[in-house]
N, C-alpha and C. Protein backbone atom coordinates (compact mmCIF):
# COMPACT_ATOMS: atom_id res chain seq x y z
N MET A 1 140.20 150.28 58.31
CA MET A 1 139.58 149.99 59.61
C MET A 1 138.43 149.01 59.43
N GLY A 2 137.64 149.25 58.38
CA GLY A 2 136.51 148.38 58.14
C GLY A 2 136.94 146.97 57.89
N SER A 3 138.05 146.83 57.16
CA SER A 3 138.56 145.48 56.87
C SER A 3 139.01 144.79 58.14
N ALA A 4 139.64 145.54 59.04
CA ALA A 4 140.12 144.97 60.31
C ALA A 4 138.95 144.50 61.15
N ASN A 5 137.86 145.28 61.19
CA ASN A 5 136.67 144.90 61.96
C ASN A 5 136.04 143.61 61.42
N LYS A 6 136.00 143.54 60.06
CA LYS A 6 135.45 142.34 59.46
C LYS A 6 136.27 141.10 59.82
N THR A 7 137.61 141.27 59.81
CA THR A 7 138.50 140.16 60.14
C THR A 7 138.30 139.72 61.58
N SER A 8 138.20 140.70 62.50
CA SER A 8 138.00 140.42 63.93
C SER A 8 136.66 139.72 64.16
N SER A 9 135.61 140.19 63.45
CA SER A 9 134.28 139.59 63.60
C SER A 9 134.28 138.16 63.10
N ALA A 10 134.96 137.92 61.99
CA ALA A 10 135.03 136.56 61.43
C ALA A 10 135.77 135.64 62.38
N ALA A 11 136.85 136.18 62.99
CA ALA A 11 137.64 135.36 63.92
C ALA A 11 136.81 135.01 65.16
N ARG A 12 136.03 136.02 65.62
CA ARG A 12 135.19 135.77 66.80
C ARG A 12 134.13 134.73 66.50
N LYS A 13 133.52 134.83 65.31
CA LYS A 13 132.51 133.83 64.93
C LYS A 13 133.12 132.44 64.83
N ALA A 14 134.35 132.41 64.32
CA ALA A 14 135.02 131.12 64.18
C ALA A 14 135.28 130.51 65.55
N ARG A 15 135.72 131.36 66.51
CA ARG A 15 135.98 130.86 67.88
C ARG A 15 134.68 130.38 68.54
N ILE A 16 133.63 131.19 68.32
CA ILE A 16 132.33 130.81 68.90
C ILE A 16 131.87 129.46 68.33
N GLU A 17 132.07 129.29 67.00
CA GLU A 17 131.66 128.05 66.37
C GLU A 17 132.47 126.87 66.91
N GLU A 18 133.78 127.14 67.13
CA GLU A 18 134.63 126.08 67.69
C GLU A 18 134.19 125.72 69.11
N MET A 19 133.87 126.75 69.91
CA MET A 19 133.41 126.52 71.28
C MET A 19 132.07 125.76 71.30
N ARG A 20 131.20 126.15 70.31
CA ARG A 20 129.90 125.48 70.25
C ARG A 20 130.07 124.00 69.92
N LYS A 21 130.94 123.72 68.96
CA LYS A 21 131.20 122.33 68.58
C LYS A 21 131.84 121.55 69.73
N ALA A 22 132.75 122.22 70.43
CA ALA A 22 133.39 121.56 71.57
C ALA A 22 132.38 121.24 72.67
N GLU A 23 131.45 122.18 72.90
CA GLU A 23 130.42 121.98 73.91
C GLU A 23 129.49 120.83 73.51
N GLN A 24 129.13 120.79 72.21
CA GLN A 24 128.28 119.70 71.74
C GLN A 24 128.97 118.35 71.90
N ALA A 25 130.26 118.34 71.59
CA ALA A 25 131.02 117.09 71.75
C ALA A 25 131.09 116.67 73.21
N ARG A 26 131.27 117.69 74.09
CA ARG A 26 131.32 117.40 75.52
C ARG A 26 129.98 116.87 76.01
N GLU A 27 128.86 117.43 75.52
CA GLU A 27 127.53 116.97 75.91
C GLU A 27 127.27 115.54 75.43
N ARG A 28 127.72 115.29 74.18
CA ARG A 28 127.53 113.92 73.66
C ARG A 28 128.33 112.91 74.51
N ARG A 29 129.55 113.30 74.87
CA ARG A 29 130.39 112.41 75.68
C ARG A 29 129.77 112.17 77.05
N ASN A 30 129.28 113.24 77.67
CA ASN A 30 128.66 113.10 79.00
C ASN A 30 127.39 112.24 78.93
N ARG A 31 126.61 112.46 77.83
CA ARG A 31 125.39 111.69 77.68
C ARG A 31 125.71 110.21 77.51
N PHE A 32 126.76 109.91 76.75
CA PHE A 32 127.17 108.51 76.56
C PHE A 32 127.61 107.89 77.87
N LEU A 33 128.39 108.63 78.65
CA LEU A 33 128.86 108.13 79.93
C LEU A 33 127.70 107.90 80.89
N THR A 34 126.71 108.83 80.85
CA THR A 34 125.55 108.69 81.74
C THR A 34 124.75 107.45 81.39
N ILE A 35 124.49 107.25 80.08
CA ILE A 35 123.72 106.09 79.64
C ILE A 35 124.46 104.80 79.98
N THR A 36 125.79 104.80 79.70
CA THR A 36 126.58 103.60 79.99
C THR A 36 126.55 103.28 81.47
N GLY A 37 126.68 104.32 82.31
CA GLY A 37 126.65 104.11 83.75
C GLY A 37 125.32 103.57 84.21
N SER A 38 124.24 104.08 83.62
CA SER A 38 122.91 103.62 84.00
C SER A 38 122.72 102.16 83.63
N VAL A 39 123.18 101.79 82.43
CA VAL A 39 123.06 100.40 81.99
C VAL A 39 123.82 99.47 82.91
N VAL A 40 125.03 99.86 83.27
CA VAL A 40 125.83 99.05 84.18
C VAL A 40 125.15 98.91 85.53
N ALA A 41 124.59 100.03 86.01
CA ALA A 41 123.92 100.00 87.32
C ALA A 41 122.70 99.09 87.30
N VAL A 42 121.91 99.22 86.22
CA VAL A 42 120.72 98.36 86.10
C VAL A 42 121.11 96.90 86.02
N ALA A 43 122.16 96.61 85.23
CA ALA A 43 122.62 95.23 85.10
C ALA A 43 123.06 94.68 86.44
N ALA A 44 123.73 95.51 87.22
CA ALA A 44 124.19 95.08 88.54
C ALA A 44 123.01 94.79 89.45
N LEU A 45 121.99 95.66 89.38
CA LEU A 45 120.80 95.45 90.21
C LEU A 45 120.08 94.17 89.82
N VAL A 46 119.95 93.95 88.49
CA VAL A 46 119.28 92.74 88.02
C VAL A 46 120.04 91.51 88.46
N ALA A 47 121.36 91.54 88.29
CA ALA A 47 122.18 90.39 88.70
C ALA A 47 122.05 90.15 90.20
N GLY A 48 122.06 91.23 90.96
CA GLY A 48 121.90 91.09 92.40
C GLY A 48 120.55 90.54 92.77
N GLY A 49 119.50 90.99 92.04
CA GLY A 49 118.17 90.49 92.31
C GLY A 49 118.04 89.02 92.00
N VAL A 50 118.65 88.60 90.89
CA VAL A 50 118.62 87.18 90.54
C VAL A 50 119.31 86.36 91.59
N PHE A 51 120.45 86.86 92.08
CA PHE A 51 121.18 86.13 93.12
C PHE A 51 120.35 85.99 94.37
N VAL A 52 119.66 87.09 94.76
CA VAL A 52 118.83 87.03 95.96
C VAL A 52 117.70 86.05 95.79
N VAL A 53 117.03 86.10 94.62
CA VAL A 53 115.91 85.20 94.37
C VAL A 53 116.37 83.76 94.41
N ARG A 54 117.52 83.48 93.76
CA ARG A 54 118.02 82.11 93.75
C ARG A 54 118.40 81.66 95.15
N SER A 55 118.98 82.57 95.91
CA SER A 55 119.38 82.22 97.26
C SER A 55 118.18 81.91 98.12
N GLN A 56 117.10 82.68 97.94
CA GLN A 56 115.92 82.50 98.78
C GLN A 56 115.07 81.34 98.33
N SER A 57 115.13 80.99 97.03
CA SER A 57 114.27 79.93 96.53
C SER A 57 114.81 78.55 96.80
N GLY A 58 116.10 78.47 97.17
CA GLY A 58 116.68 77.18 97.49
C GLY A 58 116.73 76.25 96.31
N ASP A 59 117.23 76.73 95.16
CA ASP A 59 117.26 75.92 93.97
C ASP A 59 118.51 75.06 93.84
N ASP A 60 119.34 75.01 94.86
CA ASP A 60 120.55 74.20 94.81
C ASP A 60 120.19 72.77 95.17
N SER A 61 120.03 71.94 94.15
CA SER A 61 119.57 70.57 94.38
C SER A 61 120.67 69.66 94.90
N SER A 62 121.88 70.17 95.03
CA SER A 62 122.98 69.33 95.47
C SER A 62 123.08 69.25 96.99
N THR A 63 122.29 70.03 97.68
CA THR A 63 122.36 70.03 99.13
C THR A 63 121.08 69.52 99.73
N THR A 64 121.09 69.34 101.04
CA THR A 64 119.94 68.79 101.75
C THR A 64 119.27 69.86 102.57
N ALA A 65 117.96 69.88 102.54
CA ALA A 65 117.19 70.88 103.29
C ALA A 65 116.42 70.21 104.41
N ASP A 66 116.20 70.96 105.48
CA ASP A 66 115.34 70.48 106.54
C ASP A 66 113.90 70.59 106.08
N SER A 67 113.05 69.67 106.53
CA SER A 67 111.66 69.68 106.08
C SER A 67 110.85 70.78 106.75
N LYS A 68 111.43 71.46 107.74
CA LYS A 68 110.71 72.44 108.54
C LYS A 68 109.54 71.79 109.25
N ALA A 69 109.74 70.52 109.64
CA ALA A 69 108.73 69.79 110.40
C ALA A 69 109.27 69.55 111.80
N SER A 70 108.83 70.35 112.72
CA SER A 70 109.28 70.20 114.10
C SER A 70 108.07 69.91 114.98
N GLY A 71 108.20 68.92 115.84
CA GLY A 71 107.09 68.57 116.70
C GLY A 71 107.14 67.10 117.07
N HIS A 72 105.99 66.52 117.34
CA HIS A 72 105.92 65.12 117.74
C HIS A 72 104.50 64.60 117.52
N PHE A 73 104.37 63.30 117.52
CA PHE A 73 103.06 62.67 117.36
C PHE A 73 102.33 62.58 118.70
N VAL A 74 101.03 62.75 118.63
CA VAL A 74 100.14 62.47 119.76
C VAL A 74 99.12 61.46 119.25
N THR A 75 99.03 60.30 119.92
CA THR A 75 98.14 59.23 119.47
C THR A 75 96.77 59.37 120.12
N GLY A 76 95.73 59.39 119.29
CA GLY A 76 94.37 59.52 119.79
C GLY A 76 93.79 58.17 120.19
N SER A 77 92.63 58.20 120.80
CA SER A 77 91.97 56.97 121.24
C SER A 77 91.59 56.07 120.08
N ASP A 78 91.51 56.65 118.87
CA ASP A 78 91.17 55.87 117.67
C ASP A 78 92.40 55.26 117.01
N GLY A 79 93.58 55.50 117.60
CA GLY A 79 94.81 54.94 117.05
C GLY A 79 95.48 55.82 116.01
N VAL A 80 94.85 56.94 115.66
CA VAL A 80 95.44 57.85 114.68
C VAL A 80 96.44 58.76 115.39
N LYS A 81 97.63 58.85 114.82
CA LYS A 81 98.65 59.74 115.36
C LYS A 81 98.56 61.09 114.66
N THR A 82 98.50 62.14 115.45
CA THR A 82 98.41 63.51 114.91
C THR A 82 99.70 64.25 115.21
N TRP A 83 100.26 64.90 114.18
CA TRP A 83 101.50 65.64 114.35
C TRP A 83 101.21 66.96 115.05
N LYS A 84 101.82 67.16 116.20
CA LYS A 84 101.69 68.40 116.96
C LYS A 84 102.97 69.21 116.79
N GLY A 85 102.87 70.27 116.04
CA GLY A 85 104.04 71.10 115.79
C GLY A 85 103.94 71.77 114.44
N THR A 86 105.09 72.05 113.86
CA THR A 86 105.16 72.79 112.60
C THR A 86 105.38 71.86 111.42
N LEU A 87 104.65 72.08 110.35
CA LEU A 87 104.85 71.38 109.09
C LEU A 87 105.03 72.43 107.99
N GLY A 88 106.26 72.59 107.52
CA GLY A 88 106.53 73.57 106.49
C GLY A 88 105.80 73.23 105.20
N ARG A 89 105.55 74.26 104.39
CA ARG A 89 104.83 74.05 103.12
C ARG A 89 105.52 74.75 101.96
N THR A 90 106.84 74.96 102.09
CA THR A 90 107.59 75.65 101.04
C THR A 90 108.00 74.68 99.95
N HIS A 91 107.92 75.12 98.70
CA HIS A 91 108.39 74.31 97.58
C HIS A 91 109.90 74.45 97.46
N VAL A 92 110.61 73.34 97.49
CA VAL A 92 112.07 73.36 97.41
C VAL A 92 112.55 72.33 96.40
N ALA A 93 113.76 72.55 95.87
CA ALA A 93 114.36 71.59 94.94
C ALA A 93 115.38 70.71 95.65
N LYS A 94 115.78 71.14 96.84
CA LYS A 94 116.75 70.36 97.60
C LYS A 94 116.14 69.06 98.10
N THR A 95 117.00 68.09 98.39
CA THR A 95 116.54 66.85 99.01
C THR A 95 116.16 67.14 100.45
N VAL A 96 114.96 66.71 100.83
CA VAL A 96 114.45 67.02 102.17
C VAL A 96 114.55 65.79 103.07
N LYS A 97 115.03 65.99 104.27
CA LYS A 97 115.05 64.94 105.28
C LYS A 97 113.84 65.13 106.20
N TYR A 98 113.01 64.11 106.28
CA TYR A 98 111.81 64.18 107.11
C TYR A 98 112.03 63.43 108.42
N PRO A 99 111.40 63.87 109.49
CA PRO A 99 111.62 63.24 110.80
C PRO A 99 110.92 61.91 110.98
N VAL A 100 109.93 61.60 110.13
CA VAL A 100 109.22 60.32 110.23
C VAL A 100 109.12 59.69 108.85
N GLU A 101 108.89 58.38 108.82
CA GLU A 101 108.76 57.65 107.57
C GLU A 101 107.53 56.75 107.61
N PRO A 102 106.61 56.91 106.70
CA PRO A 102 106.54 57.94 105.65
C PRO A 102 106.30 59.32 106.28
N PRO A 103 106.71 60.38 105.61
CA PRO A 103 106.49 61.72 106.15
C PRO A 103 105.02 62.10 106.13
N VAL A 104 104.64 62.97 107.07
CA VAL A 104 103.24 63.42 107.15
C VAL A 104 103.08 64.88 106.71
N GLY A 105 104.15 65.47 106.22
CA GLY A 105 104.09 66.86 105.79
C GLY A 105 105.46 67.49 105.88
N GLY A 106 105.53 68.76 105.50
CA GLY A 106 106.79 69.49 105.54
C GLY A 106 107.08 70.07 104.17
N ASN A 107 108.20 70.77 104.05
CA ASN A 107 108.61 71.33 102.77
C ASN A 107 108.71 70.21 101.74
N HIS A 108 108.42 70.51 100.48
CA HIS A 108 108.33 69.46 99.49
C HIS A 108 108.58 69.99 98.09
N ASN A 109 108.67 69.09 97.13
CA ASN A 109 108.88 69.46 95.74
C ASN A 109 107.64 70.15 95.19
N GLN A 110 107.83 71.01 94.20
CA GLN A 110 106.71 71.75 93.63
C GLN A 110 105.78 70.88 92.77
N VAL A 111 106.23 69.67 92.43
CA VAL A 111 105.41 68.77 91.62
C VAL A 111 104.90 67.63 92.50
N TRP A 112 103.63 67.34 92.43
CA TRP A 112 103.03 66.28 93.24
C TRP A 112 103.01 64.97 92.47
N MET A 113 102.86 63.86 93.22
CA MET A 113 102.60 62.58 92.59
C MET A 113 101.11 62.52 92.27
N ASN A 114 100.78 62.00 91.11
CA ASN A 114 99.36 61.80 90.78
C ASN A 114 98.72 60.93 91.85
N CYS A 115 97.57 61.34 92.31
CA CYS A 115 96.93 60.67 93.45
C CYS A 115 95.44 60.48 93.21
N ASN A 116 95.11 60.20 91.96
CA ASN A 116 93.71 59.97 91.59
C ASN A 116 93.44 58.46 91.56
N GLY A 117 93.69 57.81 92.71
CA GLY A 117 93.57 56.36 92.77
C GLY A 117 94.75 55.67 92.12
N ASP A 118 95.94 56.28 92.20
CA ASP A 118 97.13 55.74 91.55
C ASP A 118 97.85 54.74 92.45
N VAL A 119 98.15 53.57 91.90
CA VAL A 119 98.88 52.52 92.61
C VAL A 119 100.25 52.38 91.96
N TYR A 120 101.30 52.64 92.73
CA TYR A 120 102.67 52.57 92.24
C TYR A 120 103.35 51.30 92.74
N THR A 121 104.18 50.72 91.89
CA THR A 121 104.86 49.48 92.25
C THR A 121 106.28 49.72 92.74
N LYS A 122 106.73 50.96 92.66
CA LYS A 122 108.06 51.32 93.15
C LYS A 122 107.95 52.41 94.20
N ALA A 123 108.95 52.47 95.07
CA ALA A 123 108.96 53.50 96.12
C ALA A 123 108.95 54.89 95.49
N LEU A 124 108.27 55.82 96.14
CA LEU A 124 108.14 57.18 95.64
C LEU A 124 109.18 58.10 96.25
N ASN A 125 109.42 59.20 95.56
CA ASN A 125 110.20 60.28 96.15
C ASN A 125 109.30 60.97 97.18
N ASN A 126 109.71 60.93 98.44
CA ASN A 126 108.87 61.50 99.50
C ASN A 126 108.48 62.94 99.24
N MET A 127 109.38 63.70 98.61
CA MET A 127 109.12 65.11 98.40
C MET A 127 107.92 65.35 97.47
N ASN A 128 107.72 64.44 96.52
CA ASN A 128 106.57 64.56 95.62
C ASN A 128 105.30 64.03 96.29
N ALA A 129 105.45 62.95 97.06
CA ALA A 129 104.29 62.37 97.74
C ALA A 129 103.74 63.32 98.80
N VAL A 130 104.62 64.03 99.49
CA VAL A 130 104.17 64.98 100.51
C VAL A 130 103.31 66.08 99.87
N HIS A 131 103.67 66.46 98.66
CA HIS A 131 102.85 67.46 97.97
C HIS A 131 101.44 66.92 97.72
N SER A 132 101.35 65.62 97.44
CA SER A 132 100.02 65.00 97.26
C SER A 132 99.22 65.08 98.56
N LEU A 133 99.91 64.85 99.69
CA LEU A 133 99.23 64.96 100.98
C LEU A 133 98.69 66.37 101.19
N GLU A 134 99.46 67.35 100.74
CA GLU A 134 99.03 68.75 100.88
C GLU A 134 97.72 68.99 100.11
N HIS A 135 97.52 68.23 99.04
CA HIS A 135 96.30 68.36 98.23
C HIS A 135 95.13 67.57 98.80
N GLY A 136 95.37 66.89 99.92
CA GLY A 136 94.27 66.17 100.56
C GLY A 136 94.22 64.69 100.27
N ALA A 137 95.33 64.12 99.78
CA ALA A 137 95.34 62.70 99.45
C ALA A 137 95.67 61.86 100.69
N VAL A 138 95.19 60.62 100.68
CA VAL A 138 95.60 59.60 101.65
C VAL A 138 96.59 58.69 100.94
N TRP A 139 97.71 58.44 101.60
CA TRP A 139 98.81 57.67 101.02
C TRP A 139 98.91 56.33 101.75
N VAL A 140 98.68 55.25 101.03
CA VAL A 140 98.80 53.90 101.59
C VAL A 140 100.19 53.36 101.26
N THR A 141 100.93 52.93 102.27
CA THR A 141 102.26 52.38 102.05
C THR A 141 102.40 51.03 102.74
N TYR A 142 103.29 50.22 102.21
CA TYR A 142 103.50 48.88 102.77
C TYR A 142 104.96 48.48 102.56
N ASN A 143 105.45 47.57 103.41
CA ASN A 143 106.80 47.06 103.23
C ASN A 143 106.76 45.57 102.88
N SER A 144 107.91 44.94 102.86
CA SER A 144 108.00 43.55 102.42
C SER A 144 107.32 42.57 103.37
N LYS A 145 106.98 43.02 104.58
CA LYS A 145 106.31 42.14 105.54
C LYS A 145 104.80 42.08 105.34
N ALA A 146 104.26 42.95 104.51
CA ALA A 146 102.82 42.96 104.26
C ALA A 146 102.42 41.74 103.44
N ALA A 147 101.28 41.15 103.77
CA ALA A 147 100.79 39.99 103.03
C ALA A 147 100.37 40.40 101.62
N LYS A 148 100.65 39.53 100.66
CA LYS A 148 100.31 39.83 99.27
C LYS A 148 98.82 40.08 99.10
N ALA A 149 98.00 39.30 99.81
CA ALA A 149 96.54 39.46 99.69
C ALA A 149 96.11 40.83 100.19
N ASP A 150 96.75 41.33 101.25
CA ASP A 150 96.41 42.66 101.78
C ASP A 150 96.83 43.75 100.79
N VAL A 151 98.00 43.58 100.20
CA VAL A 151 98.48 44.57 99.22
C VAL A 151 97.52 44.64 98.04
N GLU A 152 97.07 43.49 97.56
CA GLU A 152 96.16 43.46 96.42
C GLU A 152 94.80 44.08 96.77
N ALA A 153 94.30 43.78 97.98
CA ALA A 153 93.01 44.32 98.40
C ALA A 153 93.07 45.83 98.58
N LEU A 154 94.16 46.31 99.15
CA LEU A 154 94.32 47.76 99.34
C LEU A 154 94.48 48.46 97.99
N ALA A 155 95.20 47.84 97.08
CA ALA A 155 95.36 48.42 95.74
C ALA A 155 94.01 48.57 95.05
N ALA A 156 93.14 47.56 95.20
CA ALA A 156 91.81 47.62 94.59
C ALA A 156 91.00 48.77 95.19
N LYS A 157 91.15 48.98 96.50
CA LYS A 157 90.42 50.07 97.17
C LYS A 157 90.93 51.43 96.70
N VAL A 158 92.24 51.56 96.61
CA VAL A 158 92.85 52.83 96.18
C VAL A 158 92.42 53.16 94.75
N LYS A 159 92.43 52.18 93.88
CA LYS A 159 92.12 52.42 92.47
C LYS A 159 90.72 53.01 92.25
N LYS A 160 89.81 52.72 93.16
CA LYS A 160 88.45 53.25 93.01
C LYS A 160 88.17 54.45 93.90
N THR A 161 89.23 55.00 94.51
CA THR A 161 89.06 56.13 95.42
C THR A 161 89.88 57.34 94.98
N PRO A 162 89.26 58.39 94.45
CA PRO A 162 90.01 59.61 94.10
C PRO A 162 90.71 60.19 95.33
N TYR A 163 91.78 60.90 95.10
CA TYR A 163 92.59 61.51 96.15
C TYR A 163 93.21 60.45 97.07
N THR A 164 93.69 59.37 96.47
CA THR A 164 94.48 58.38 97.19
C THR A 164 95.62 57.93 96.29
N LEU A 165 96.65 57.40 96.89
CA LEU A 165 97.76 56.79 96.16
C LEU A 165 98.36 55.71 97.04
N MET A 166 99.11 54.82 96.42
CA MET A 166 99.67 53.68 97.15
C MET A 166 101.05 53.35 96.58
N SER A 167 101.97 52.97 97.47
CA SER A 167 103.30 52.61 97.01
C SER A 167 104.02 51.79 98.08
N PRO A 168 105.04 51.01 97.68
CA PRO A 168 105.85 50.30 98.67
C PRO A 168 106.80 51.26 99.38
N ASP A 169 107.15 50.95 100.62
CA ASP A 169 108.09 51.76 101.38
C ASP A 169 108.80 50.85 102.39
N ASP A 170 109.92 50.31 101.99
CA ASP A 170 110.65 49.39 102.86
C ASP A 170 111.34 50.08 104.03
N ALA A 171 111.32 51.41 104.04
CA ALA A 171 111.94 52.14 105.15
C ALA A 171 111.00 52.32 106.33
N GLN A 172 109.71 52.03 106.15
CA GLN A 172 108.76 52.23 107.25
C GLN A 172 108.82 51.06 108.24
N ALA A 173 108.38 51.33 109.44
CA ALA A 173 108.51 50.35 110.53
C ALA A 173 107.48 49.24 110.48
N ASP A 174 106.24 49.57 110.08
CA ASP A 174 105.15 48.60 110.12
C ASP A 174 104.76 48.12 108.72
N PRO A 175 104.16 46.92 108.63
CA PRO A 175 103.81 46.37 107.32
C PRO A 175 102.88 47.25 106.49
N ILE A 176 101.83 47.82 107.10
CA ILE A 176 100.88 48.65 106.37
C ILE A 176 100.62 49.93 107.15
N MET A 177 100.75 51.07 106.48
CA MET A 177 100.53 52.36 107.13
C MET A 177 99.69 53.26 106.24
N LEU A 178 98.89 54.09 106.86
CA LEU A 178 98.05 55.06 106.17
C LEU A 178 98.49 56.46 106.61
N THR A 179 98.65 57.35 105.63
CA THR A 179 99.16 58.69 105.94
C THR A 179 98.34 59.76 105.23
N ALA A 180 98.03 60.82 105.97
CA ALA A 180 97.44 62.04 105.41
C ALA A 180 98.27 63.20 105.94
N TRP A 181 97.97 64.42 105.53
CA TRP A 181 98.73 65.57 106.01
C TRP A 181 98.57 65.70 107.53
N GLY A 182 99.68 65.48 108.25
CA GLY A 182 99.67 65.61 109.70
C GLY A 182 99.02 64.45 110.42
N LYS A 183 98.65 63.38 109.70
CA LYS A 183 97.95 62.23 110.30
C LYS A 183 98.60 60.93 109.84
N GLN A 184 98.59 59.93 110.73
CA GLN A 184 99.17 58.64 110.34
C GLN A 184 98.69 57.54 111.29
N ARG A 185 98.58 56.34 110.75
CA ARG A 185 98.27 55.20 111.61
C ARG A 185 98.72 53.90 110.94
N THR A 186 98.91 52.89 111.76
CA THR A 186 99.20 51.54 111.29
C THR A 186 97.92 50.73 111.32
N VAL A 187 97.74 49.87 110.31
CA VAL A 187 96.59 48.95 110.31
C VAL A 187 97.11 47.52 110.21
N THR A 188 96.32 46.59 110.71
CA THR A 188 96.77 45.19 110.76
C THR A 188 96.59 44.45 109.45
N SER A 189 95.60 44.88 108.65
CA SER A 189 95.33 44.20 107.39
C SER A 189 94.42 45.08 106.53
N ALA A 190 94.18 44.63 105.31
CA ALA A 190 93.29 45.38 104.43
C ALA A 190 91.86 45.38 104.93
N SER A 191 91.50 44.35 105.70
CA SER A 191 90.13 44.25 106.22
C SER A 191 89.95 44.95 107.56
N ASP A 192 90.99 45.54 108.08
CA ASP A 192 90.91 46.29 109.34
C ASP A 192 89.89 47.42 109.16
N PRO A 193 88.88 47.51 110.02
CA PRO A 193 87.87 48.59 109.91
C PRO A 193 88.47 49.99 109.93
N SER A 194 89.67 50.10 110.48
CA SER A 194 90.32 51.41 110.57
C SER A 194 90.68 51.97 109.18
N VAL A 195 90.81 51.09 108.20
CA VAL A 195 91.13 51.55 106.84
C VAL A 195 89.99 52.42 106.31
N ASP A 196 88.78 51.89 106.36
CA ASP A 196 87.63 52.66 105.87
C ASP A 196 87.42 53.94 106.66
N LYS A 197 87.64 53.86 107.97
CA LYS A 197 87.46 55.05 108.82
C LYS A 197 88.49 56.13 108.46
N PHE A 198 89.72 55.70 108.22
CA PHE A 198 90.79 56.66 107.88
C PHE A 198 90.47 57.32 106.53
N PHE A 199 90.06 56.52 105.56
CA PHE A 199 89.72 57.06 104.25
C PHE A 199 88.55 58.05 104.37
N ALA A 200 87.54 57.65 105.10
CA ALA A 200 86.34 58.49 105.21
C ALA A 200 86.65 59.83 105.87
N LYS A 201 87.56 59.84 106.80
CA LYS A 201 87.84 61.06 107.55
C LYS A 201 88.89 61.95 106.90
N PHE A 202 89.87 61.34 106.22
CA PHE A 202 91.02 62.14 105.78
C PHE A 202 91.19 62.30 104.27
N VAL A 203 90.44 61.57 103.46
CA VAL A 203 90.47 61.86 102.02
C VAL A 203 89.79 63.20 101.82
N GLN A 204 90.55 64.22 101.43
CA GLN A 204 90.04 65.60 101.34
C GLN A 204 89.41 66.03 102.67
N GLY A 205 90.02 65.61 103.76
CA GLY A 205 89.49 65.92 105.09
C GLY A 205 89.83 67.31 105.56
N GLU A 206 89.42 67.61 106.78
CA GLU A 206 89.63 68.94 107.34
C GLU A 206 91.10 69.29 107.51
N GLN A 207 91.96 68.28 107.54
CA GLN A 207 93.40 68.53 107.72
C GLN A 207 94.06 69.05 106.45
N THR A 208 93.35 69.00 105.31
CA THR A 208 93.93 69.33 104.00
C THR A 208 94.32 70.80 103.90
N PRO A 209 95.60 71.10 103.67
CA PRO A 209 96.01 72.51 103.52
C PRO A 209 95.47 73.15 102.25
N GLU A 210 95.34 72.36 101.15
CA GLU A 210 94.87 72.91 99.88
C GLU A 210 93.71 72.07 99.35
N PRO A 211 92.55 72.17 99.97
CA PRO A 211 91.40 71.37 99.51
C PRO A 211 91.01 71.69 98.07
N GLY A 212 90.76 70.64 97.32
CA GLY A 212 90.34 70.81 95.94
C GLY A 212 91.48 70.94 94.95
N ALA A 213 92.72 71.01 95.43
CA ALA A 213 93.86 71.09 94.51
C ALA A 213 93.97 69.78 93.72
N ALA A 214 94.57 69.87 92.55
CA ALA A 214 94.59 68.73 91.63
C ALA A 214 95.35 67.53 92.16
N CYS A 215 94.86 66.33 91.79
CA CYS A 215 95.59 65.09 92.05
C CYS A 215 95.97 64.43 90.72
N THR A 216 95.81 65.15 89.64
CA THR A 216 96.25 64.71 88.31
C THR A 216 97.17 65.80 87.75
N GLY A 217 97.85 65.48 86.66
CA GLY A 217 98.73 66.46 86.04
C GLY A 217 100.07 66.58 86.71
N GLY A 218 100.37 65.65 87.63
CA GLY A 218 101.68 65.66 88.31
C GLY A 218 102.58 64.59 87.76
N LEU A 219 103.34 63.95 88.64
CA LEU A 219 104.24 62.87 88.22
C LEU A 219 103.54 61.53 88.31
N SER A 220 103.97 60.61 87.47
CA SER A 220 103.45 59.25 87.49
C SER A 220 104.56 58.32 87.05
N GLN A 221 104.68 57.16 87.70
CA GLN A 221 105.72 56.21 87.31
C GLN A 221 105.36 55.51 86.01
């Protein structure tokens, strides 16, 4: 009888040990499945988050974006045209279409054109120049109808004036134009008194969305 009891006890212990091992194996398997599922879920969330961020940031440079500039000009008694309406200020990588040339504001590239008295001999990317306007720069532009003497005189003035830049723009309607954020006017020549008045009022003027922001460390031709 004693031998039979010992045999039964050994068999029971063996079954218990087998059950314990099976349970441990089942726990390990469940733990692996749980971890794997969590990793997959997190990866899916991260991928979804990246997609949302990319979708919202507008990083598709192959398409065209609206400048988010809606409104119209109102001309003051001093001849300065002021934009009445909305001027977007979002940084975008897409090509932006502006309602006026040169543009007076709107969504723009995240990199500005250097505007520390910089004179450019080639037309600028409007999206970079608009960012300079946001920093409080005055942008002098001219087309092929502008007199050479006026272009040279204006270039000399720009070179000695921080927060200004100058470039050709054959797409504009008038020979010489001055532009600040939300402000614009045509002048007849470099000696037009309106040039000095425009510079005095709008170089880092009250219209500046980001006063004191850098005009160096950006793009330069």
